[in-house]
Amino acid sequence: MTVKLSKSKAETGKKKGGLWKRIARNWEFYLLFLPVMIEFIIFAYLPMGGLIIAFKDFTPLKGIVDSEFVGFKYFIKLF
């Protein structure tokens, strides 16, 4: 005689509920994770604007988008 064992949802890889239900169920985790995300955005993502400015002839009046792209002009001058 063989016994058939049913697999749990965790074993089959099926997720329980939708995304928003899981977020609502684990809201404490997301609340604790919020300062980490804010720190990441401020100190890792926003400084990328400085990387773009390094390759442009930046003029504050024109802004980052409208300033002329010059490529490695200033890096060649530096070295």
PDB file of N, CA and C in Angstrom:
ATOM      1  N   MET A   1       0.841  -1.170   0.000  1.00  0.00           N
ATOM      2  CA  MET A   1       0.000   0.000   0.000  1.00  0.00           C
ATOM      3  C   MET A   1       0.892   1.240   0.000  1.00  0.00           C
ATOM      4  N   THR A   2       0.628   2.177  -0.901  1.00  0.00           N
ATOM      5  CA  THR A   2       1.405   3.414  -0.961  1.00  0.00           C
ATOM      6  C   THR A   2       0.552   4.571  -0.478  1.00  0.00           C
ATOM      7  N   VAL A   3       1.219   5.487   0.184  1.00  0.00           N
ATOM      8  CA  VAL A   3       0.535   6.668   0.692  1.00  0.00           C
ATOM      9  C   VAL A   3       0.937   7.856  -0.160  1.00  0.00           C
ATOM     10  N   LYS A   4      -0.036   8.567  -0.688  1.00  0.00           N
ATOM     11  CA  LYS A   4       0.233   9.735  -1.521  1.00  0.00           C
ATOM     12  C   LYS A   4       0.232  10.977  -0.626  1.00  0.00           C
ATOM     13  N   LEU A   5       1.375  11.654  -0.589  1.00  0.00           N
ATOM     14  CA  LEU A   5       1.496  12.864   0.213  1.00  0.00           C
ATOM     15  C   LEU A   5       1.243  14.078  -0.672  1.00  0.00           C
ATOM     16  N   SER A   6       0.430  14.975  -0.204  1.00  0.00           N
ATOM     17  CA  SER A   6       0.200  16.201  -0.982  1.00  0.00           C
ATOM     18  C   SER A   6       1.301  17.200  -0.662  1.00  0.00           C
ATOM     19  N   LYS A   7       1.723  17.907  -1.675  1.00  0.00           N
ATOM     20  CA  LYS A   7       2.772  18.903  -1.494  1.00  0.00           C
ATOM     21  C   LYS A   7       2.163  20.213  -1.018  1.00  0.00           C
ATOM     22  N   SER A   8       2.878  20.883  -0.144  1.00  0.00           N
ATOM     23  CA  SER A   8       2.407  22.185   0.315  1.00  0.00           C
ATOM     24  C   SER A   8       2.661  23.221  -0.767  1.00  0.00           C
ATOM     25  N   LYS A   9       2.048  24.381  -0.637  1.00  0.00           N
ATOM     26  CA  LYS A   9       2.234  25.442  -1.624  1.00  0.00           C
ATOM     27  C   LYS A   9       3.672  25.932  -1.666  1.00  0.00           C
ATOM     28  N   ALA A  10       4.372  25.880  -0.542  1.00  0.00           N
ATOM     29  CA  ALA A  10       5.775  26.291  -0.515  1.00  0.00           C
ATOM     30  C   ALA A  10       6.641  25.343  -1.332  1.00  0.00           C
ATOM     31  N   GLU A  11       6.308  24.062  -1.311  1.00  0.00           N
ATOM     32  CA  GLU A  11       7.086  23.073  -2.064  1.00  0.00           C
ATOM     33  C   GLU A  11       6.828  23.170  -3.554  1.00  0.00           C
ATOM     34  N   THR A  12       5.609  23.507  -3.946  1.00  0.00           N
ATOM     35  CA  THR A  12       5.280  23.572  -5.369  1.00  0.00           C
ATOM     36  C   THR A  12       5.676  24.904  -5.985  1.00  0.00           C
ATOM     37  N   GLY A  13       6.026  25.883  -5.174  1.00  0.00           N
ATOM     38  CA  GLY A  13       6.472  27.168  -5.688  1.00  0.00           C
ATOM     39  C   GLY A  13       5.342  28.147  -5.949  1.00  0.00           C
ATOM     40  N   LYS A  14       4.131  27.799  -5.581  1.00  0.00           N
ATOM     41  CA  LYS A  14       2.998  28.703  -5.799  1.00  0.00           C
ATOM     42  C   LYS A  14       2.969  29.755  -4.701  1.00  0.00           C
ATOM     43  N   LYS A  15       2.683  30.981  -5.101  1.00  0.00           N
ATOM     44  CA  LYS A  15       2.637  32.072  -4.128  1.00  0.00           C
ATOM     45  C   LYS A  15       1.201  32.282  -3.677  1.00  0.00           C
ATOM     46  N   LYS A  16       1.071  32.663  -2.441  1.00  0.00           N
ATOM     47  CA  LYS A  16      -0.230  32.857  -1.849  1.00  0.00           C
ATOM     48  C   LYS A  16      -0.607  34.336  -1.900  1.00  0.00           C
ATOM     49  N   GLY A  17      -1.645  34.675  -2.600  1.00  0.00           N
ATOM     50  CA  GLY A  17      -2.114  36.050  -2.662  1.00  0.00           C
ATOM     51  C   GLY A  17      -1.350  36.891  -3.656  1.00  0.00           C
ATOM     52  N   GLY A  18      -1.828  38.101  -3.880  1.00  0.00           N
ATOM     53  CA  GLY A  18      -1.189  39.028  -4.796  1.00  0.00           C
ATOM     54  C   GLY A  18      -0.119  39.852  -4.115  1.00  0.00           C
ATOM     55  N   LEU A  19       0.486  40.718  -4.888  1.00  0.00           N
ATOM     56  CA  LEU A  19       1.576  41.550  -4.380  1.00  0.00           C
ATOM     57  C   LEU A  19       1.113  42.450  -3.241  1.00  0.00           C
ATOM     58  N   TRP A  20       0.004  43.127  -3.433  1.00  0.00           N
ATOM     59  CA  TRP A  20      -0.460  44.071  -2.412  1.00  0.00           C
ATOM     60  C   TRP A  20      -0.913  43.356  -1.143  1.00  0.00           C
ATOM     61  N   LYS A  21      -1.419  42.135  -1.281  1.00  0.00           N
ATOM     62  CA  LYS A  21      -1.800  41.375  -0.086  1.00  0.00           C
ATOM     63  C   LYS A  21      -0.565  40.992   0.719  1.00  0.00           C
ATOM     64  N   ARG A  22       0.521  40.612  -0.001  1.00  0.00           N
ATOM     65  CA  ARG A  22       1.761  40.270   0.693  1.00  0.00           C
ATOM     66  C   ARG A  22       2.383  41.496   1.349  1.00  0.00           C
ATOM     67  N   ILE A  23       2.304  42.647   0.681  1.00  0.00           N
ATOM     68  CA  ILE A  23       2.824  43.885   1.276  1.00  0.00           C
ATOM     69  C   ILE A  23       2.022  44.248   2.515  1.00  0.00           C
ATOM     70  N   ALA A  24       0.692  44.134   2.432  1.00  0.00           N
ATOM     71  CA  ALA A  24      -0.153  44.441   3.591  1.00  0.00           C
ATOM     72  C   ALA A  24       0.118  43.477   4.738  1.00  0.00           C
ATOM     73  N   ARG A  25       0.404  42.228   4.410  1.00  0.00           N
ATOM     74  CA  ARG A  25       0.663  41.229   5.449  1.00  0.00           C
ATOM     75  C   ARG A  25       2.012  41.473   6.134  1.00  0.00           C
ATOM     76  N   ASN A  26       3.000  42.025   5.393  1.00  0.00           N
ATOM     77  CA  ASN A  26       4.342  42.239   5.932  1.00  0.00           C
ATOM     78  C   ASN A  26       4.686  43.732   6.010  1.00  0.00           C
ATOM     79  N   TRP A  27       3.741  44.552   6.362  1.00  0.00           N
ATOM     80  CA  TRP A  27       3.954  45.999   6.332  1.00  0.00           C
ATOM     81  C   TRP A  27       5.058  46.442   7.279  1.00  0.00           C
ATOM     82  N   GLU A  28       5.287  45.723   8.361  1.00  0.00           N
ATOM     83  CA  GLU A  28       6.345  46.098   9.303  1.00  0.00           C
ATOM     84  C   GLU A  28       7.723  45.999   8.647  1.00  0.00           C
ATOM     85  N   PHE A  29       7.922  44.955   7.852  1.00  0.00           N
ATOM     86  CA  PHE A  29       9.191  44.789   7.138  1.00  0.00           C
ATOM     87  C   PHE A  29       9.424  45.958   6.192  1.00  0.00           C
ATOM     88  N   TYR A  30       8.413  46.340   5.434  1.00  0.00           N
ATOM     89  CA  TYR A  30       8.561  47.432   4.474  1.00  0.00           C
ATOM     90  C   TYR A  30       8.777  48.765   5.179  1.00  0.00           C
ATOM     91  N   LEU A  31       8.184  48.932   6.347  1.00  0.00           N
ATOM     92  CA  LEU A  31       8.409  50.144   7.129  1.00  0.00           C
ATOM     93  C   LEU A  31       9.859  50.218   7.606  1.00  0.00           C
ATOM     94  N   LEU A  32      10.435  49.101   8.024  1.00  0.00           N
ATOM     95  CA  LEU A  32      11.835  49.064   8.435  1.00  0.00           C
ATOM     96  C   LEU A  32      12.777  49.202   7.242  1.00  0.00           C
ATOM     97  N   PHE A  33      12.346  48.754   6.066  1.00  0.00           N
ATOM     98  CA  PHE A  33      13.164  48.816   4.865  1.00  0.00           C
ATOM     99  C   PHE A  33      13.162  50.208   4.232  1.00  0.00           C
ATOM    100  N   LEU A  34      12.170  51.033   4.545  1.00  0.00           N
ATOM    101  CA  LEU A  34      12.039  52.366   3.965  1.00  0.00           C
ATOM    102  C   LEU A  34      13.255  53.260   4.201  1.00  0.00           C
ATOM    103  N   PRO A  35      13.824  53.371   5.410  1.00  0.00           N
ATOM    104  CA  PRO A  35      15.026  54.199   5.589  1.00  0.00           C
ATOM    105  C   PRO A  35      16.213  53.727   4.753  1.00  0.00           C
ATOM    106  N   VAL A  36      16.331  52.427   4.550  1.00  0.00           N
ATOM    107  CA  VAL A  36      17.419  51.887   3.725  1.00  0.00           C
ATOM    108  C   VAL A  36      17.246  52.345   2.281  1.00  0.00           C
ATOM    109  N   MET A  37      16.035  52.285   1.775  1.00  0.00           N
ATOM    110  CA  MET A  37      15.777  52.718   0.401  1.00  0.00           C
ATOM    111  C   MET A  37      16.007  54.215   0.242  1.00  0.00           C
ATOM    112  N   ILE A  38      15.596  55.008   1.214  1.00  0.00           N
ATOM    113  CA  ILE A  38      15.812  56.455   1.155  1.00  0.00           C
ATOM    114  C   ILE A  38      17.306  56.759   1.154  1.00  0.00           C
ATOM    115  N   GLU A  39      18.070  56.081   2.015  1.00  0.00           N
ATOM    116  CA  GLU A  39      19.512  56.281   2.051  1.00  0.00           C
ATOM    117  C   GLU A  39      20.160  55.883   0.724  1.00  0.00           C
ATOM    118  N   PHE A  40      19.714  54.784   0.144  1.00  0.00           N
ATOM    119  CA  PHE A  40      20.251  54.336  -1.137  1.00  0.00           C
ATOM    120  C   PHE A  40      19.994  55.368  -2.228  1.00  0.00           C
ATOM    121  N   ILE A  41      18.795  55.896  -2.279  1.00  0.00           N
ATOM    122  CA  ILE A  41      18.457  56.890  -3.302  1.00  0.00           C
ATOM    123  C   ILE A  41      19.286  58.152  -3.128  1.00  0.00           C
ATOM    124  N   ILE A  42      19.437  58.616  -1.893  1.00  0.00           N
ATOM    125  CA  ILE A  42      20.166  59.865  -1.643  1.00  0.00           C
ATOM    126  C   ILE A  42      21.660  59.713  -1.902  1.00  0.00           C
ATOM    127  N   PHE A  43      22.274  58.634  -1.433  1.00  0.00           N
ATOM    128  CA  PHE A  43      23.728  58.530  -1.484  1.00  0.00           C
ATOM    129  C   PHE A  43      24.280  57.697  -2.635  1.00  0.00           C
ATOM    130  N   ALA A  44      23.452  56.939  -3.328  1.00  0.00           N
ATOM    131  CA  ALA A  44      23.949  56.117  -4.434  1.00  0.00           C
ATOM    132  C   ALA A  44      23.342  56.511  -5.779  1.00  0.00           C
ATOM    133  N   TYR A  45      22.083  56.897  -5.798  1.00  0.00           N
ATOM    134  CA  TYR A  45      21.404  57.169  -7.056  1.00  0.00           C
ATOM    135  C   TYR A  45      21.527  58.634  -7.473  1.00  0.00           C
ATOM    136  N   LEU A  46      21.306  59.557  -6.572  1.00  0.00           N
ATOM    137  CA  LEU A  46      21.375  60.983  -6.915  1.00  0.00           C
ATOM    138  C   LEU A  46      22.763  61.450  -7.344  1.00  0.00           C
ATOM    139  N   PRO A  47      23.862  60.931  -6.799  1.00  0.00           N
ATOM    140  CA  PRO A  47      25.187  61.352  -7.271  1.00  0.00           C
ATOM    141  C   PRO A  47      25.471  60.999  -8.730  1.00  0.00           C
ATOM    142  N   MET A  48      24.657  60.180  -9.362  1.00  0.00           N
ATOM    143  CA  MET A  48      24.848  59.859 -10.778  1.00  0.00           C
ATOM    144  C   MET A  48      24.694  61.105 -11.646  1.00  0.00           C
ATOM    145  N   GLY A  49      24.026  62.126 -11.150  1.00  0.00           N
ATOM    146  CA  GLY A  49      23.947  63.396 -11.876  1.00  0.00           C
ATOM    147  C   GLY A  49      25.323  64.004 -12.050  1.00  0.00           C
ATOM    148  N   GLY A  50      26.195  63.847 -11.075  1.00  0.00           N
ATOM    149  CA  GLY A  50      27.564  64.325 -11.177  1.00  0.00           C
ATOM    150  C   GLY A  50      28.355  63.582 -12.233  1.00  0.00           C
ATOM    151  N   LEU A  51      28.051  62.324 -12.429  1.00  0.00           N
ATOM    152  CA  LEU A  51      28.712  61.540 -13.470  1.00  0.00           C
ATOM    153  C   LEU A  51      28.326  62.062 -14.855  1.00  0.00           C
ATOM    154  N   ILE A  52      27.102  62.441 -15.032  1.00  0.00           N
ATOM    155  CA  ILE A  52      26.641  62.991 -16.316  1.00  0.00           C
ATOM    156  C   ILE A  52      27.293  64.346 -16.566  1.00  0.00           C
ATOM    157  N   ILE A  53      27.398  65.160 -15.533  1.00  0.00           N
ATOM    158  CA  ILE A  53      27.990  66.493 -15.675  1.00  0.00           C
ATOM    159  C   ILE A  53      29.457  66.392 -16.089  1.00  0.00           C
ATOM    160  N   ALA A  54      30.153  65.330 -15.704  1.00  0.00           N
ATOM    161  CA  ALA A  54      31.573  65.165 -16.038  1.00  0.00           C
ATOM    162  C   ALA A  54      31.804  65.088 -17.544  1.00  0.00           C
ATOM    163  N   PHE A  55      30.822  64.669 -18.297  1.00  0.00           N
ATOM    164  CA  PHE A  55      30.955  64.538 -19.745  1.00  0.00           C
ATOM    165  C   PHE A  55      30.273  65.659 -20.519  1.00  0.00           C
ATOM    166  N   LYS A  56      29.867  66.708 -19.827  1.00  0.00           N
ATOM    167  CA  LYS A  56      29.184  67.824 -20.474  1.00  0.00           C
ATOM    168  C   LYS A  56      29.888  69.134 -20.169  1.00  0.00           C
ATOM    169  N   ASP A  57      29.696  70.108 -21.038  1.00  0.00           N
ATOM    170  CA  ASP A  57      30.150  71.474 -20.783  1.00  0.00           C
ATOM    171  C   ASP A  57      29.025  72.138 -20.003  1.00  0.00           C
ATOM    172  N   PHE A  58      29.001  71.862 -18.704  1.00  0.00           N
ATOM    173  CA  PHE A  58      27.868  72.230 -17.858  1.00  0.00           C
ATOM    174  C   PHE A  58      27.777  73.725 -17.630  1.00  0.00           C
ATOM    175  N   THR A  59      26.600  74.246 -17.860  1.00  0.00           N
ATOM    176  CA  THR A  59      26.261  75.633 -17.565  1.00  0.00           C
ATOM    177  C   THR A  59      25.025  75.606 -16.671  1.00  0.00           C
ATOM    178  N   PRO A  60      25.103  76.181 -15.472  1.00  0.00           N
ATOM    179  CA  PRO A  60      23.955  76.123 -14.566  1.00  0.00           C
ATOM    180  C   PRO A  60      22.672  76.709 -15.160  1.00  0.00           C
ATOM    181  N   LEU A  61      22.804  77.727 -16.006  1.00  0.00           N
ATOM    182  CA  LEU A  61      21.605  78.317 -16.597  1.00  0.00           C
ATOM    183  C   LEU A  61      20.915  77.364 -17.576  1.00  0.00           C
ATOM    184  N   LYS A  62      21.688  76.529 -18.260  1.00  0.00           N
ATOM    185  CA  LYS A  62      21.113  75.571 -19.207  1.00  0.00           C
ATOM    186  C   LYS A  62      20.644  74.293 -18.522  1.00  0.00           C
ATOM    187  N   GLY A  63      21.275  73.946 -17.421  1.00  0.00           N
ATOM    188  CA  GLY A  63      20.930  72.711 -16.729  1.00  0.00           C
ATOM    189  C   GLY A  63      21.681  71.518 -17.293  1.00  0.00           C
ATOM    190  N   ILE A  64      21.450  70.362 -16.726  1.00  0.00           N
ATOM    191  CA  ILE A  64      22.159  69.153 -17.136  1.00  0.00           C
ATOM    192  C   ILE A  64      21.705  68.694 -18.519  1.00  0.00           C
ATOM    193  N   VAL A  65      20.432  68.744 -18.793  1.00  0.00           N
ATOM    194  CA  VAL A  65      19.893  68.210 -20.042  1.00  0.00           C
ATOM    195  C   VAL A  65      20.302  69.045 -21.252  1.00  0.00           C
ATOM    196  N   ASP A  66      20.263  70.366 -21.146  1.00  0.00           N
ATOM    197  CA  ASP A  66      20.534  71.236 -22.295  1.00  0.00           C
ATOM    198  C   ASP A  66      22.008  71.584 -22.480  1.00  0.00           C
ATOM    199  N   SER A  67      22.864  71.234 -21.532  1.00  0.00           N
ATOM    200  CA  SER A  67      24.292  71.516 -21.688  1.00  0.00           C
ATOM    201  C   SER A  67      24.885  70.643 -22.789  1.00  0.00           C
ATOM    202  N   GLU A  68      25.902  71.177 -23.473  1.00  0.00           N
ATOM    203  CA  GLU A  68      26.509  70.486 -24.606  1.00  0.00           C
ATOM    204  C   GLU A  68      27.333  69.280 -24.142  1.00  0.00           C
ATOM    205  N   PHE A  69      27.171  68.144 -24.818  1.00  0.00           N
ATOM    206  CA  PHE A  69      27.941  66.936 -24.527  1.00  0.00           C
ATOM    207  C   PHE A  69      29.313  67.067 -25.185  1.00  0.00           C
ATOM    208  N   VAL A  70      30.390  66.922 -24.395  1.00  0.00           N
ATOM    209  CA  VAL A  70      31.750  67.073 -24.932  1.00  0.00           C
ATOM    210  C   VAL A  70      32.575  65.796 -24.819  1.00  0.00           C
ATOM    211  N   GLY A  71      32.037  64.758 -24.238  1.00  0.00           N
ATOM    212  CA  GLY A  71      32.747  63.481 -24.145  1.00  0.00           C
ATOM    213  C   GLY A  71      33.952  63.545 -23.216  1.00  0.00           C
ATOM    214  N   PHE A  72      35.121  63.073 -23.702  1.00  0.00           N
ATOM    215  CA  PHE A  72      36.325  62.988 -22.881  1.00  0.00           C
ATOM    216  C   PHE A  72      37.186  64.244 -22.953  1.00  0.00           C
ATOM    217  N   LYS A  73      36.666  65.350 -23.446  1.00  0.00           N
ATOM    218  CA  LYS A  73      37.441  66.588 -23.621  1.00  0.00           C
ATOM    219  C   LYS A  73      38.153  66.994 -22.328  1.00  0.00           C
ATOM    220  N   TYR A  74      37.441  67.046 -21.241  1.00  0.00           N
ATOM    221  CA  TYR A  74      38.040  67.498 -19.970  1.00  0.00           C
ATOM    222  C   TYR A  74      38.926  66.430 -19.332  1.00  0.00           C
ATOM    223  N   PHE A  75      38.661  65.150 -19.598  1.00  0.00           N
ATOM    224  CA  PHE A  75      39.525  64.090 -19.077  1.00  0.00           C
ATOM    225  C   PHE A  75      40.865  64.099 -19.804  1.00  0.00           C
ATOM    226  N   ILE A  76      40.869  64.349 -21.104  1.00  0.00           N
ATOM    227  CA  ILE A  76      42.105  64.445 -21.875  1.00  0.00           C
ATOM    228  C   ILE A  76      42.912  65.654 -21.389  1.00  0.00           C
ATOM    229  N   LYS A  77      42.221  66.744 -21.108  1.00  0.00           N
ATOM    230  CA  LYS A  77      42.877  67.942 -20.588  1.00  0.00           C
ATOM    231  C   LYS A  77      43.503  67.666 -19.217  1.00  0.00           C
ATOM    232  N   LEU A  78      42.814  66.895 -18.400  1.00  0.00           N
ATOM    233  CA  LEU A  78      43.299  66.555 -17.061  1.00  0.00           C
ATOM    234  C   LEU A  78      44.569  65.704 -17.118  1.00  0.00           C
ATOM    235  N   PHE A  79      44.583  64.706 -17.988  1.00  0.00           N
ATOM    236  CA  PHE A  79      45.731  63.801 -18.061  1.00  0.00           C
ATOM    237  C   PHE A  79      46.790  64.324 -19.012  1.00  0.00           C
TER     238      PHE A  79
END
